[in-house]
Amino acid sequence: MKEVTSNRPDGEKTKPKRRKTEWLNGIEAQRIRSIKFTTVSGEPIDIIYTPEDINHIDYDRDIGRPGEFPYTRGIHHTMYRGQLWTMRQFAGFGTPDDSNKRYHYLLDNGQTGLSVAFDLPTLMGRDPDDSLSDGEVGVCGVSVSSLADMEILFKGIPLDKVSTSMTINAPAAMLLAFYIVVAEKQGVAPRQLRGTIQNDILKEYIAQKEWIYPPKPSMRIITDMFAYAVDNMPKWNPISVSGYHIREAGSTAAQELAFTLADGFAYVEAGMAAGLDIDDFVPQISFFFNSHIDFFEEIAKYRAARRIWARRMRDKYGAKNPRTWKLRYHTQTAGCSLTAQQPENNIIRTTLQALAAVLGGTQSLHTNSMDETLALPSEKAVTIALRTQQIIAYETGVTDTVDPLAGSYFVESLTNRMEEEAEKYFEKIDSLGGVIPAIEMGFFQREIADAAYRYQQELDKKDKIIVGVNEYVQENEKIEIPILEIPKEVELKQRQRIAEVRASRDRKDVKAALAELRDKAENGGNLMPSLLKATRVYATLGEMCETLKEVFGVYDEPLVF
């Protein structure tokens, strides 16, 4: 950037400020607190940033204008002056009846999109009467094991008017089939449906560990979903490439950025290898990022993500459609930053994290509730979390201008550094043969484990402070927050419901549908039509997943030391 001069009263031109090194020399005797000044990811932070830190930046090449390549400042020209982000709250617990009531409550209180949390058995493709489901049914999310459950979950909710996000990965194709058929029963065609299904199996192998099949057949299922969505669901995102869980597992911001985008590139390459046109399917790929507690680092991460994605799509993969260049993403505030101690402090943490997401240009946002380290959120807590977004949107003024932090010496410097760190990781992943070989070698797992260990050491030494945990602790603290508890009756009710489903359906139709699904898995062809056929005859989630296991097998993670 061009250096600016100013006129002194005597007419002599001089630089508006002394050079950074001169200024630093002049403050050597000043008092500085004896702590490590780094981001939460451990990146060193200078005491001051000046034009010298960004003098290599070319505005048009590196920053540009909102809605224009490389989209550093946002993917839309007017951003929030044109339309606010979608406000979602991750919700789901107990039976489909319980969660349906919560969805209606949230929509009545101003939420503009639904975000479905499923319980562990559903995430693992198991029915509630599976012995491995004992004690987990409806506990960490809603129990859904058949079309009958999905019908109840969305009862009274017009699916042509609501955008829905579903956090499900290994059995994502089955849950998408359930959703499509529920919409059909409402008279809503797949082409009218808006929303996202997470469907990011690579991050499961890397971080969250909720997989079923090995990587190769899992990628085949995903590319089948891409193809189906291109032909039938133009408003739907068949994948949300997720850095959120990578960050929750202990990664740094740069690792979250690099590993997430590397996964995204792997999906792009898989789709192209399956014969899909990049400009047909990539515009339906979305992303999901964490918003952690280090305010400026997070903003820089989002800006770098857009720039990296745009350049790769255009310059490496040859995409011609500007929609393909645009990285669209949902953000959730950091669950791992919430504390059981002094839980009201979590409201403050979430507010700052949400503000960072908005200043970073998110398209969709979920704000965590203050009680989520203790249990699923209560109605009061989830309402406060939603009101946090609404206050940011309507009271703070941060939506009045696009990318207000652009040009900040500090933010632009951090954005550049984030991009540089990500590029180093891309080179390393490529040298290992790509994402899947790197997963099988345990590369990502080791990197995240090392980062988490370093951060824990900083907390133990109090190099980093978490208020109420390793400093400003309240002894004998009494937590007076109501806890949402899931009774045992939920599991019993869901077991009874699936028994009723099995008793009322046509067994021959189910057997034939599952046989067709197995044949497609063995001999090729898109799996989605067969999954839809199995859904319509009320085959269960567990039955469909077990059928594919017989063909694809299951994945065993390599040991990492």
Protein backbone atom coordinates (compact mmCIF):
# COMPACT_ATOMS: atom_id res chain seq x y z
CA MET A 1 0.00 0.00 0.00
CA LYS A 2 1.21 3.48 -0.79
CA GLU A 3 2.78 5.31 2.16
CA VAL A 4 1.07 8.57 3.05
CA THR A 5 2.83 11.83 3.94
CA SER A 6 1.45 14.86 5.74
CA ASN A 7 2.26 18.58 5.69
CA ARG A 8 3.80 20.12 8.80
CA PRO A 9 2.97 23.76 9.61
CA ASP A 10 6.36 24.85 8.27
CA GLY A 11 5.57 23.23 4.92
CA GLU A 12 8.11 20.43 5.39
CA LYS A 13 6.74 17.04 4.39
CA THR A 14 7.27 14.19 6.86
CA LYS A 15 5.86 10.74 7.56
CA PRO A 16 2.80 10.90 9.81
CA LYS A 17 4.44 8.57 12.33
CA ARG A 18 7.92 7.37 13.08
CA ARG A 19 8.86 4.00 11.69
CA LYS A 20 7.91 1.04 13.81
CA THR A 21 11.48 0.18 14.85
CA GLU A 22 12.16 3.75 15.95
CA TRP A 23 8.98 3.78 17.99
CA LEU A 24 9.83 0.46 19.62
CA ASN A 25 13.28 1.73 20.57
CA GLY A 26 11.66 4.72 22.20
CA ILE A 27 9.44 2.63 24.51
CA GLU A 28 12.00 0.09 25.72
CA ALA A 29 11.92 1.54 29.22
CA GLN A 30 8.11 1.45 29.40
CA ARG A 31 6.39 -1.12 31.54
CA ILE A 32 5.09 -4.26 29.80
CA ARG A 33 3.13 -6.96 31.62
CA SER A 34 5.20 -10.11 32.03
CA ILE A 35 2.97 -12.49 30.08
CA LYS A 36 3.15 -14.08 26.64
CA PHE A 37 1.31 -11.96 24.11
CA THR A 38 0.00 -14.54 21.67
CA THR A 39 -3.30 -15.48 20.10
CA VAL A 40 -5.23 -18.33 21.68
CA SER A 41 -3.60 -20.49 18.98
CA GLY A 42 -0.13 -19.47 20.17
CA GLU A 43 0.76 -17.06 17.37
CA PRO A 44 2.91 -14.12 18.58
CA ILE A 45 1.28 -10.68 18.55
CA ASP A 46 3.30 -7.51 18.04
CA ILE A 47 2.74 -4.53 20.33
CA ILE A 48 1.75 -2.37 17.37
CA TYR A 49 0.95 -2.80 13.68
CA THR A 50 1.69 -0.11 11.10
CA PRO A 51 1.60 0.34 7.30
CA GLU A 52 4.97 -1.44 7.21
CA ASP A 53 3.23 -4.68 8.18
CA ILE A 54 0.98 -4.60 5.13
CA ASN A 55 3.06 -2.68 2.60
CA HIS A 56 3.28 -5.77 0.37
CA ILE A 57 -0.52 -5.98 0.06
CA ASP A 58 -2.09 -5.03 -3.23
CA TYR A 59 -5.62 -3.80 -2.50
CA ASP A 60 -7.28 -5.06 -5.68
CA ARG A 61 -5.43 -8.39 -5.68
CA ASP A 62 -5.62 -9.26 -1.97
CA ILE A 63 -8.54 -7.36 -0.46
CA GLY A 64 -10.81 -6.01 -3.16
CA ARG A 65 -14.44 -5.03 -2.79
CA PRO A 66 -17.25 -7.02 -1.20
CA GLY A 67 -18.92 -9.39 -3.62
CA GLU A 68 -15.90 -9.43 -5.94
CA PHE A 69 -12.94 -11.79 -6.33
CA PRO A 70 -11.14 -12.81 -4.10
CA TYR A 71 -14.07 -12.13 -1.70
CA THR A 72 -11.81 -11.28 1.24
CA ARG A 73 -14.39 -8.69 2.32
CA GLY A 74 -17.43 -10.91 1.86
CA ILE A 75 -19.26 -12.84 -0.85
CA HIS A 76 -22.10 -10.33 -1.31
CA HIS A 77 -21.84 -6.71 -2.40
CA THR A 78 -24.18 -5.34 0.28
CA MET A 79 -23.73 -8.09 2.92
CA TYR A 80 -25.95 -7.38 5.95
CA ARG A 81 -27.34 -4.16 4.52
CA GLY A 82 -29.07 -6.39 2.00
CA GLN A 83 -29.92 -9.38 4.20
CA LEU A 84 -29.00 -10.45 7.71
CA TRP A 85 -27.42 -13.82 8.38
CA THR A 86 -29.69 -16.79 9.10
CA MET A 87 -30.17 -17.14 12.85
CA ARG A 88 -30.14 -20.78 13.91
CA GLN A 89 -30.09 -22.55 17.26
CA PHE A 90 -28.80 -26.12 17.36
CA ALA A 91 -31.74 -27.98 18.87
CA GLY A 92 -32.87 -31.53 19.34
CA PHE A 93 -33.41 -33.76 22.36
CA GLY A 94 -35.49 -36.65 23.56
CA THR A 95 -38.25 -37.86 21.28
CA PRO A 96 -39.26 -36.25 17.98
CA ASP A 97 -42.34 -34.93 19.80
CA ASP A 98 -40.11 -33.11 22.36
CA SER A 99 -37.92 -31.55 19.68
CA ASN A 100 -40.89 -30.54 17.53
CA LYS A 101 -42.20 -28.47 20.42
CA ARG A 102 -38.78 -26.79 20.82
CA TYR A 103 -38.65 -25.99 17.09
CA HIS A 104 -42.04 -24.31 17.20
CA TYR A 105 -40.92 -22.34 20.27
CA LEU A 106 -37.75 -21.12 18.53
CA LEU A 107 -39.57 -20.16 15.33
CA ASP A 108 -42.19 -18.29 17.36
CA ASN A 109 -39.36 -16.33 19.05
CA GLY A 110 -37.75 -15.07 15.86
CA GLN A 111 -35.40 -17.84 14.76
CA THR A 112 -35.13 -17.89 10.97
CA GLY A 113 -33.84 -21.43 10.38
CA LEU A 114 -33.78 -24.81 12.09
CA SER A 115 -30.66 -26.75 13.07
CA VAL A 116 -31.20 -30.38 14.06
CA ALA A 117 -29.06 -32.16 16.65
CA PHE A 118 -29.34 -35.96 16.58
CA ASP A 119 -28.59 -38.37 19.40
CA LEU A 120 -25.56 -40.67 19.35
CA PRO A 121 -27.36 -43.80 18.12
CA THR A 122 -28.71 -41.84 15.13
CA LEU A 123 -25.26 -40.38 14.44
CA MET A 124 -23.85 -43.91 14.39
CA GLY A 125 -26.64 -45.34 12.21
CA ARG A 126 -28.21 -47.44 14.96
CA ASP A 127 -31.86 -47.93 15.87
CA PRO A 128 -32.96 -47.23 19.47
CA ASP A 129 -33.50 -50.95 20.18
CA ASP A 130 -29.90 -51.79 19.24
CA SER A 131 -28.03 -52.99 22.35
CA LEU A 132 -25.29 -50.40 21.66
CA SER A 133 -27.92 -47.64 21.96
CA ASP A 134 -28.62 -48.38 25.63
CA GLY A 135 -28.56 -45.22 27.73
CA GLU A 136 -27.96 -42.89 24.78
CA VAL A 137 -31.37 -42.59 23.14
CA GLY A 138 -32.45 -38.95 22.98
CA VAL A 139 -29.69 -37.81 25.33
CA CYS A 140 -27.43 -35.60 23.21
CA GLY A 141 -29.98 -34.91 20.51
CA VAL A 142 -33.22 -36.16 19.03
CA SER A 143 -33.76 -39.85 18.27
CA VAL A 144 -34.69 -40.43 14.60
CA SER A 145 -34.68 -43.95 13.19
CA SER A 146 -37.38 -43.98 10.53
CA LEU A 147 -39.64 -41.88 8.33
CA ALA A 148 -42.24 -42.08 11.13
CA ASP A 149 -39.90 -40.20 13.49
CA MET A 150 -39.08 -37.57 10.87
CA GLU A 151 -42.78 -36.99 10.20
CA ILE A 152 -43.31 -36.18 13.87
CA LEU A 153 -40.15 -34.07 14.09
CA PHE A 154 -41.37 -31.65 11.40
CA LYS A 155 -45.10 -31.80 12.12
CA GLY A 156 -46.68 -28.40 11.47
CA ILE A 157 -43.47 -26.92 10.05
CA PRO A 158 -43.79 -25.94 6.35
CA LEU A 159 -40.61 -27.23 4.75
CA ASP A 160 -41.00 -24.98 1.71
CA LYS A 161 -40.71 -21.92 3.98
CA VAL A 162 -38.05 -22.96 6.54
CA SER A 163 -34.35 -23.56 5.93
CA THR A 164 -33.14 -26.65 7.81
CA SER A 165 -29.63 -27.69 8.78
CA MET A 166 -29.01 -31.27 9.90
CA THR A 167 -25.84 -32.26 11.74
CA ILE A 168 -25.38 -35.84 10.61
CA ASN A 169 -22.47 -37.44 8.79
CA ALA A 170 -21.99 -41.19 8.30
CA PRO A 171 -25.74 -41.87 7.82
CA ALA A 172 -26.42 -38.47 6.20
CA ALA A 173 -27.85 -39.98 3.01
CA MET A 174 -30.54 -41.82 5.00
CA LEU A 175 -31.55 -38.75 6.99
CA LEU A 176 -31.70 -36.69 3.81
CA ALA A 177 -33.99 -39.34 2.31
CA PHE A 178 -36.24 -39.13 5.39
CA TYR A 179 -36.42 -35.34 5.03
CA ILE A 180 -37.20 -35.47 1.29
CA VAL A 181 -40.06 -37.93 1.81
CA VAL A 182 -41.54 -35.90 4.69
CA ALA A 183 -41.53 -32.90 2.35
CA GLU A 184 -43.22 -34.99 -0.35
CA LYS A 185 -45.98 -35.83 2.13
CA GLN A 186 -46.43 -32.07 2.68
CA GLY A 187 -46.67 -31.55 -1.08
CA VAL A 188 -43.22 -29.93 -1.24
CA ALA A 189 -40.93 -31.02 -4.07
CA PRO A 190 -37.20 -31.57 -3.49
CA ARG A 191 -36.46 -28.57 -5.73
CA GLN A 192 -38.17 -26.31 -3.19
CA LEU A 193 -36.18 -27.47 -0.16
CA ARG A 194 -33.61 -25.12 1.36
CA GLY A 195 -30.97 -26.10 3.85
CA THR A 196 -27.83 -28.10 4.53
CA ILE A 197 -26.85 -31.57 5.65
CA GLN A 198 -23.40 -31.78 7.20
CA ASN A 199 -22.30 -35.03 5.54
CA ASP A 200 -18.58 -34.34 6.16
CA ILE A 201 -17.09 -37.77 6.76
CA LEU A 202 -13.45 -36.69 6.40
CA LYS A 203 -13.62 -34.56 9.53
CA GLU A 204 -15.11 -37.54 11.34
CA TYR A 205 -11.96 -39.53 10.66
CA ILE A 206 -9.89 -36.49 11.67
CA ALA A 207 -11.68 -35.26 14.77
CA GLN A 208 -15.20 -36.29 15.80
CA LYS A 209 -14.86 -40.07 15.33
CA GLU A 210 -18.46 -40.86 14.35
CA TRP A 211 -17.91 -42.95 11.23
CA ILE A 212 -19.37 -46.19 9.89
CA TYR A 213 -17.75 -47.14 6.57
CA PRO A 214 -14.15 -46.83 5.34
CA PRO A 215 -13.14 -43.65 3.49
CA LYS A 216 -13.47 -44.89 -0.11
CA PRO A 217 -17.12 -46.06 0.02
CA SER A 218 -17.97 -43.08 2.24
CA MET A 219 -16.72 -40.74 -0.48
CA ARG A 220 -18.78 -42.67 -3.04
CA ILE A 221 -21.94 -42.05 -0.95
CA ILE A 222 -21.11 -38.34 -0.79
CA THR A 223 -20.56 -37.96 -4.53
CA ASP A 224 -23.85 -39.79 -5.11
CA MET A 225 -25.50 -37.15 -2.93
CA PHE A 226 -23.76 -34.39 -4.89
CA ALA A 227 -25.14 -35.78 -8.15
CA TYR A 228 -28.65 -36.16 -6.73
CA ALA A 229 -28.65 -32.61 -5.36
CA VAL A 230 -27.43 -31.13 -8.66
CA ASP A 231 -30.30 -32.81 -10.53
CA ASN A 232 -33.07 -32.49 -7.93
CA MET A 233 -32.26 -30.05 -5.10
CA PRO A 234 -30.72 -26.82 -6.45
CA LYS A 235 -31.37 -24.89 -3.22
CA TRP A 236 -29.88 -27.55 -0.95
CA ASN A 237 -26.28 -27.92 0.27
CA PRO A 238 -25.50 -31.66 0.24
CA ILE A 239 -22.39 -31.10 2.36
CA SER A 240 -21.15 -28.66 4.97
CA VAL A 241 -17.39 -29.07 5.27
CA SER A 242 -16.81 -28.68 8.95
CA GLY A 243 -13.89 -27.09 10.73
CA TYR A 244 -16.00 -26.68 13.84
CA HIS A 245 -15.30 -30.14 15.23
CA ILE A 246 -11.63 -29.95 14.26
CA ARG A 247 -11.35 -26.84 16.43
CA GLU A 248 -13.39 -28.39 19.24
CA ALA A 249 -10.92 -31.31 19.24
CA GLY A 250 -8.11 -28.89 20.12
CA SER A 251 -6.72 -27.52 16.88
CA THR A 252 -5.36 -24.03 16.37
CA ALA A 253 -7.16 -21.53 14.17
CA ALA A 254 -4.67 -22.09 11.34
CA GLN A 255 -5.13 -25.87 11.59
CA GLU A 256 -8.91 -25.48 11.53
CA LEU A 257 -8.62 -23.31 8.43
CA ALA A 258 -6.12 -25.53 6.62
CA PHE A 259 -7.61 -28.93 7.46
CA THR A 260 -11.14 -27.80 6.63
CA LEU A 261 -10.21 -26.33 3.27
CA ALA A 262 -8.05 -29.38 2.49
CA ASP A 263 -11.12 -31.55 3.10
CA GLY A 264 -13.08 -29.23 0.84
CA PHE A 265 -10.52 -29.62 -1.94
CA ALA A 266 -10.71 -33.42 -1.49
CA TYR A 267 -14.50 -33.36 -1.98
CA VAL A 268 -14.11 -31.17 -5.07
CA GLU A 269 -11.60 -33.62 -6.55
CA ALA A 270 -13.83 -36.60 -5.69
CA GLY A 271 -16.82 -34.98 -7.38
CA MET A 272 -14.80 -34.21 -10.49
CA ALA A 273 -13.43 -37.78 -10.54
CA ALA A 274 -17.04 -39.02 -10.41
CA GLY A 275 -17.75 -37.11 -13.61
CA LEU A 276 -19.45 -34.03 -12.18
CA ASP A 277 -18.80 -30.56 -13.58
CA ILE A 278 -17.12 -28.35 -10.99
CA ASP A 279 -19.41 -25.43 -11.79
CA ASP A 280 -22.48 -27.62 -11.29
CA PHE A 281 -21.83 -29.14 -7.87
CA VAL A 282 -19.33 -26.92 -6.03
CA PRO A 283 -21.75 -23.97 -5.69
CA GLN A 284 -23.78 -26.32 -3.45
CA ILE A 285 -20.83 -27.00 -1.11
CA SER A 286 -20.98 -24.99 2.10
CA PHE A 287 -18.68 -24.74 5.11
CA PHE A 288 -19.01 -24.69 8.89
CA PHE A 289 -16.50 -22.85 11.06
CA ASN A 290 -15.92 -22.39 14.77
CA SER A 291 -15.90 -18.92 16.30
CA HIS A 292 -13.43 -19.15 19.17
CA ILE A 293 -12.60 -16.62 21.83
CA ASP A 294 -9.64 -14.82 20.20
CA PHE A 295 -11.64 -12.03 18.55
CA PHE A 296 -9.31 -10.76 15.82
CA GLU A 297 -7.78 -14.14 15.01
CA GLU A 298 -11.23 -15.51 14.19
CA ILE A 299 -12.11 -12.57 11.94
CA ALA A 300 -8.83 -13.02 10.08
CA LYS A 301 -9.52 -16.75 9.68
CA TYR A 302 -12.83 -16.15 7.89
CA ARG A 303 -11.35 -13.53 5.58
CA ALA A 304 -8.42 -15.81 4.70
CA ALA A 305 -10.76 -18.75 4.07
CA ARG A 306 -12.71 -16.87 1.43
CA ARG A 307 -9.57 -15.69 -0.31
CA ILE A 308 -7.90 -19.11 -0.36
CA TRP A 309 -11.03 -20.87 -1.64
CA ALA A 310 -11.64 -18.32 -4.41
CA ARG A 311 -8.10 -18.54 -5.70
CA ARG A 312 -8.00 -22.35 -5.61
CA MET A 313 -11.34 -22.79 -7.34
CA ARG A 314 -10.48 -20.37 -10.14
CA ASP A 315 -6.75 -20.82 -10.57
CA LYS A 316 -6.13 -24.50 -9.73
CA TYR A 317 -9.41 -26.23 -10.57
CA GLY A 318 -10.41 -23.97 -13.46
CA ALA A 319 -13.90 -23.05 -12.28
CA LYS A 320 -15.53 -20.44 -14.47
CA ASN A 321 -18.69 -19.70 -12.49
CA PRO A 322 -18.22 -16.95 -9.83
CA ARG A 323 -20.66 -18.88 -7.60
CA THR A 324 -18.08 -21.65 -7.47
CA TRP A 325 -15.44 -19.21 -6.24
CA LYS A 326 -17.57 -18.03 -3.30
CA LEU A 327 -17.05 -19.76 0.04
CA ARG A 328 -20.34 -19.77 1.95
CA TYR A 329 -20.28 -20.78 5.59
CA HIS A 330 -22.21 -21.24 8.80
CA THR A 331 -20.60 -20.36 12.14
CA GLN A 332 -21.16 -21.69 15.64
CA THR A 333 -19.67 -20.15 18.75
CA ALA A 334 -17.08 -22.31 20.49
CA GLY A 335 -18.55 -24.97 22.73
CA CYS A 336 -15.06 -25.88 23.97
CA SER A 337 -14.62 -22.35 25.34
CA LEU A 338 -17.67 -22.61 27.61
CA THR A 339 -17.10 -23.39 31.27
CA ALA A 340 -19.11 -25.24 33.88
CA GLN A 341 -17.68 -22.81 36.42
CA GLN A 342 -19.50 -19.46 36.61
CA PRO A 343 -21.68 -20.45 33.64
CA GLU A 344 -23.20 -16.96 33.31
CA ASN A 345 -19.79 -15.88 31.98
CA ASN A 346 -20.57 -17.98 28.93
CA ILE A 347 -23.11 -15.37 27.82
CA ILE A 348 -20.26 -12.85 27.52
CA ARG A 349 -17.99 -15.32 25.71
CA THR A 350 -20.74 -16.22 23.25
CA THR A 351 -21.53 -12.57 22.57
CA LEU A 352 -17.94 -11.76 21.62
CA GLN A 353 -17.63 -14.90 19.51
CA ALA A 354 -20.89 -14.12 17.70
CA LEU A 355 -19.70 -10.56 17.04
CA ALA A 356 -16.46 -11.92 15.54
CA ALA A 357 -18.47 -14.21 13.26
CA VAL A 358 -20.59 -11.29 12.06
CA LEU A 359 -17.60 -9.00 11.51
CA GLY A 360 -15.98 -11.89 9.64
CA GLY A 361 -18.93 -12.11 7.24
CA THR A 362 -20.82 -15.31 8.15
CA GLN A 363 -23.98 -16.33 6.27
CA SER A 364 -25.52 -18.24 9.16
CA LEU A 365 -24.90 -18.30 12.90
CA HIS A 366 -25.63 -20.44 15.94
CA THR A 367 -24.96 -19.04 19.39
CA ASN A 368 -24.31 -21.50 22.22
CA SER A 369 -26.32 -21.35 25.41
CA MET A 370 -24.73 -20.65 28.78
CA ASP A 371 -25.69 -24.04 30.23
CA GLU A 372 -24.42 -26.31 27.44
CA THR A 373 -21.44 -27.60 29.44
CA LEU A 374 -23.93 -28.90 31.99
CA ALA A 375 -26.74 -30.30 29.83
CA LEU A 376 -28.83 -29.65 26.77
CA PRO A 377 -29.93 -26.00 26.91
CA SER A 378 -33.05 -24.92 28.74
CA GLU A 379 -35.63 -22.69 27.02
CA LYS A 380 -34.46 -19.64 28.97
CA ALA A 381 -30.81 -20.20 28.06
CA VAL A 382 -31.55 -20.81 24.39
CA THR A 383 -33.68 -17.66 24.26
CA ILE A 384 -30.83 -15.57 25.67
CA ALA A 385 -28.52 -17.07 23.04
CA LEU A 386 -30.94 -16.15 20.26
CA ARG A 387 -31.46 -12.65 21.69
CA THR A 388 -27.66 -12.21 21.56
CA GLN A 389 -27.77 -12.49 17.78
CA GLN A 390 -30.75 -10.19 17.52
CA ILE A 391 -29.09 -7.48 19.64
CA ILE A 392 -25.96 -7.66 17.48
CA ALA A 393 -28.10 -7.43 14.35
CA TYR A 394 -30.42 -4.60 15.38
CA GLU A 395 -28.74 -2.56 18.12
CA THR A 396 -24.97 -2.41 17.65
CA GLY A 397 -24.65 -0.81 14.21
CA VAL A 398 -22.09 -3.40 13.03
CA THR A 399 -24.34 -4.39 10.12
CA ASP A 400 -24.49 -0.86 8.71
CA THR A 401 -21.28 -1.07 6.67
CA VAL A 402 -19.60 -4.00 4.95
CA ASP A 403 -16.40 -5.45 6.46
CA PRO A 404 -15.70 -2.49 8.76
CA LEU A 405 -12.30 -3.85 9.84
CA ALA A 406 -10.85 -3.96 6.31
CA GLY A 407 -7.60 -2.03 6.07
CA SER A 408 -6.78 -2.50 9.74
CA TYR A 409 -3.03 -3.02 9.93
CA PHE A 410 -3.55 -5.74 12.53
CA VAL A 411 -6.46 -7.57 10.85
CA GLU A 412 -4.92 -7.52 7.38
CA SER A 413 -1.59 -8.73 8.80
CA LEU A 414 -3.33 -11.56 10.67
CA THR A 415 -5.29 -12.49 7.53
CA ASN A 416 -2.06 -12.79 5.55
CA ARG A 417 -0.39 -14.83 8.27
CA MET A 418 -3.38 -17.17 8.45
CA GLU A 419 -3.24 -17.75 4.70
CA GLU A 420 0.52 -18.40 4.84
CA GLU A 421 0.13 -20.97 7.61
CA ALA A 422 -2.65 -22.72 5.72
CA GLU A 423 -0.54 -22.92 2.55
CA LYS A 424 2.26 -24.60 4.53
CA TYR A 425 -0.20 -27.25 5.68
CA PHE A 426 -1.52 -27.77 2.14
CA GLU A 427 2.03 -28.50 0.99
CA LYS A 428 2.53 -30.99 3.83
CA ILE A 429 -0.78 -32.77 3.13
CA ASP A 430 0.06 -32.99 -0.58
CA SER A 431 3.47 -34.46 0.27
CA LEU A 432 1.70 -37.23 2.21
CA GLY A 433 -0.43 -38.12 -0.80
CA GLY A 434 -3.58 -36.16 0.03
CA VAL A 435 -6.20 -36.02 2.76
CA ILE A 436 -7.17 -39.70 2.95
CA PRO A 437 -3.57 -41.03 3.10
CA ALA A 438 -2.80 -38.36 5.71
CA ILE A 439 -5.79 -39.55 7.76
CA GLU A 440 -4.64 -43.15 7.50
CA MET A 441 -1.15 -42.10 8.68
CA GLY A 442 -2.63 -40.25 11.66
CA PHE A 443 -1.17 -36.92 10.54
CA PHE A 444 -4.18 -34.74 11.38
CA GLN A 445 -4.81 -36.52 14.66
CA ARG A 446 -1.22 -35.94 15.83
CA GLU A 447 -1.22 -32.28 14.82
CA ILE A 448 -4.44 -31.60 16.73
CA ALA A 449 -3.31 -33.59 19.78
CA ASP A 450 -0.02 -31.66 19.91
CA ALA A 451 -1.85 -28.32 19.66
CA ALA A 452 -4.30 -29.28 22.40
CA TYR A 453 -1.44 -30.37 24.66
CA ARG A 454 0.44 -27.10 24.15
CA TYR A 455 -2.67 -25.09 25.01
CA GLN A 456 -3.32 -27.13 28.14
CA GLN A 457 0.26 -26.49 29.26
CA GLU A 458 -0.33 -22.75 28.82
CA LEU A 459 -3.41 -22.99 31.01
CA ASP A 460 -1.57 -25.00 33.65
CA LYS A 461 1.20 -22.39 33.74
CA LYS A 462 -1.35 -19.55 33.61
CA ASP A 463 0.22 -18.21 30.45
CA LYS A 464 -3.39 -18.15 29.29
CA ILE A 465 -6.24 -17.27 31.63
CA ILE A 466 -9.76 -18.66 31.60
CA VAL A 467 -11.81 -16.59 34.00
CA GLY A 468 -13.35 -18.74 36.70
CA VAL A 469 -11.21 -21.80 35.83
CA ASN A 470 -7.53 -21.06 36.45
CA GLU A 471 -7.97 -17.51 37.77
CA TYR A 472 -10.71 -15.54 39.54
CA VAL A 473 -12.08 -18.82 40.87
CA GLN A 474 -15.06 -18.83 43.22
CA GLU A 475 -14.57 -21.38 45.95
CA ASN A 476 -17.56 -23.53 46.90
CA GLU A 477 -19.51 -22.15 43.94
CA LYS A 478 -23.18 -23.09 43.83
CA ILE A 479 -24.56 -23.37 40.31
CA GLU A 480 -28.22 -22.41 40.24
CA ILE A 481 -29.06 -23.06 36.60
CA PRO A 482 -31.98 -25.41 35.82
CA ILE A 483 -30.75 -28.55 34.08
CA LEU A 484 -32.65 -30.23 31.25
CA GLU A 485 -32.69 -33.95 32.04
CA ILE A 486 -33.68 -36.71 29.62
CA PRO A 487 -35.76 -39.36 31.42
CA LYS A 488 -35.42 -43.10 30.77
CA GLU A 489 -38.96 -43.05 29.41
CA VAL A 490 -37.61 -41.45 26.20
CA GLU A 491 -35.68 -44.59 25.33
CA LEU A 492 -38.62 -46.82 26.16
CA LYS A 493 -40.96 -44.69 24.03
CA GLN A 494 -38.60 -44.75 21.04
CA ARG A 495 -38.18 -48.51 21.30
CA GLN A 496 -41.93 -48.92 21.38
CA ARG A 497 -42.35 -46.62 18.35
CA ILE A 498 -39.86 -48.53 16.21
CA ALA A 499 -41.55 -51.79 17.16
CA GLU A 500 -44.85 -50.33 15.98
CA VAL A 501 -43.26 -49.19 12.70
CA ARG A 502 -41.92 -52.67 12.04
CA ALA A 503 -45.26 -54.27 12.86
CA SER A 504 -47.31 -51.96 10.62
CA ARG A 505 -45.23 -51.95 7.42
CA ASP A 506 -45.18 -54.43 4.55
CA ARG A 507 -42.25 -56.77 5.20
CA LYS A 508 -41.98 -57.86 1.56
CA ASP A 509 -41.67 -54.26 0.39
CA VAL A 510 -38.96 -53.58 2.98
CA LYS A 511 -37.05 -56.73 2.03
CA ALA A 512 -37.21 -55.84 -1.67
CA ALA A 513 -36.10 -52.24 -1.07
CA LEU A 514 -33.12 -53.31 1.03
CA ALA A 515 -32.16 -55.92 -1.58
CA GLU A 516 -32.18 -53.20 -4.25
CA LEU A 517 -30.02 -50.98 -2.01
CA ARG A 518 -27.51 -53.79 -1.55
CA ASP A 519 -27.42 -54.45 -5.29
CA LYS A 520 -26.72 -50.77 -6.04
CA ALA A 521 -23.94 -50.74 -3.45
CA GLU A 522 -22.33 -53.84 -4.96
CA ASN A 523 -22.81 -53.15 -8.66
CA GLY A 524 -22.83 -49.38 -8.99
CA GLY A 525 -25.41 -46.70 -9.59
CA ASN A 526 -26.54 -43.77 -7.49
CA LEU A 527 -27.67 -44.88 -4.02
CA MET A 528 -30.10 -42.03 -3.37
CA PRO A 529 -33.09 -43.40 -5.36
CA SER A 530 -32.79 -46.74 -3.56
CA LEU A 531 -32.55 -45.01 -0.17
CA LEU A 532 -35.67 -43.01 -1.00
CA LYS A 533 -37.51 -46.20 -1.98
CA ALA A 534 -36.47 -47.86 1.31
CA THR A 535 -37.57 -44.77 3.23
CA ARG A 536 -41.05 -44.76 1.66
CA VAL A 537 -41.69 -48.33 2.85
CA TYR A 538 -40.46 -47.43 6.36
CA ALA A 539 -37.17 -49.30 6.40
CA THR A 540 -35.30 -48.13 9.48
CA LEU A 541 -32.03 -46.25 9.68
CA GLY A 542 -30.31 -49.23 11.27
CA GLU A 543 -31.55 -51.60 8.57
CA MET A 544 -30.26 -49.40 5.75
CA CYS A 545 -26.89 -48.87 7.42
CA GLU A 546 -26.47 -52.57 8.14
CA THR A 547 -27.25 -53.37 4.50
CA LEU A 548 -24.46 -51.08 3.33
CA LYS A 549 -22.08 -52.43 5.99
CA GLU A 550 -22.44 -55.88 4.42
CA VAL A 551 -21.01 -54.44 1.20
CA PHE A 552 -18.73 -51.62 2.33
CA GLY A 553 -17.47 -52.97 5.66
CA VAL A 554 -16.62 -50.78 8.66
CA TYR A 555 -13.67 -48.51 9.39
CA ASP A 556 -11.05 -49.16 12.06
CA GLU A 557 -8.90 -46.17 12.98
CA PRO A 558 -5.11 -46.62 12.97
CA LEU A 559 -3.41 -46.22 16.32
CA VAL A 560 -1.67 -42.87 16.76
CA PHE A 561 1.05 -42.29 19.35
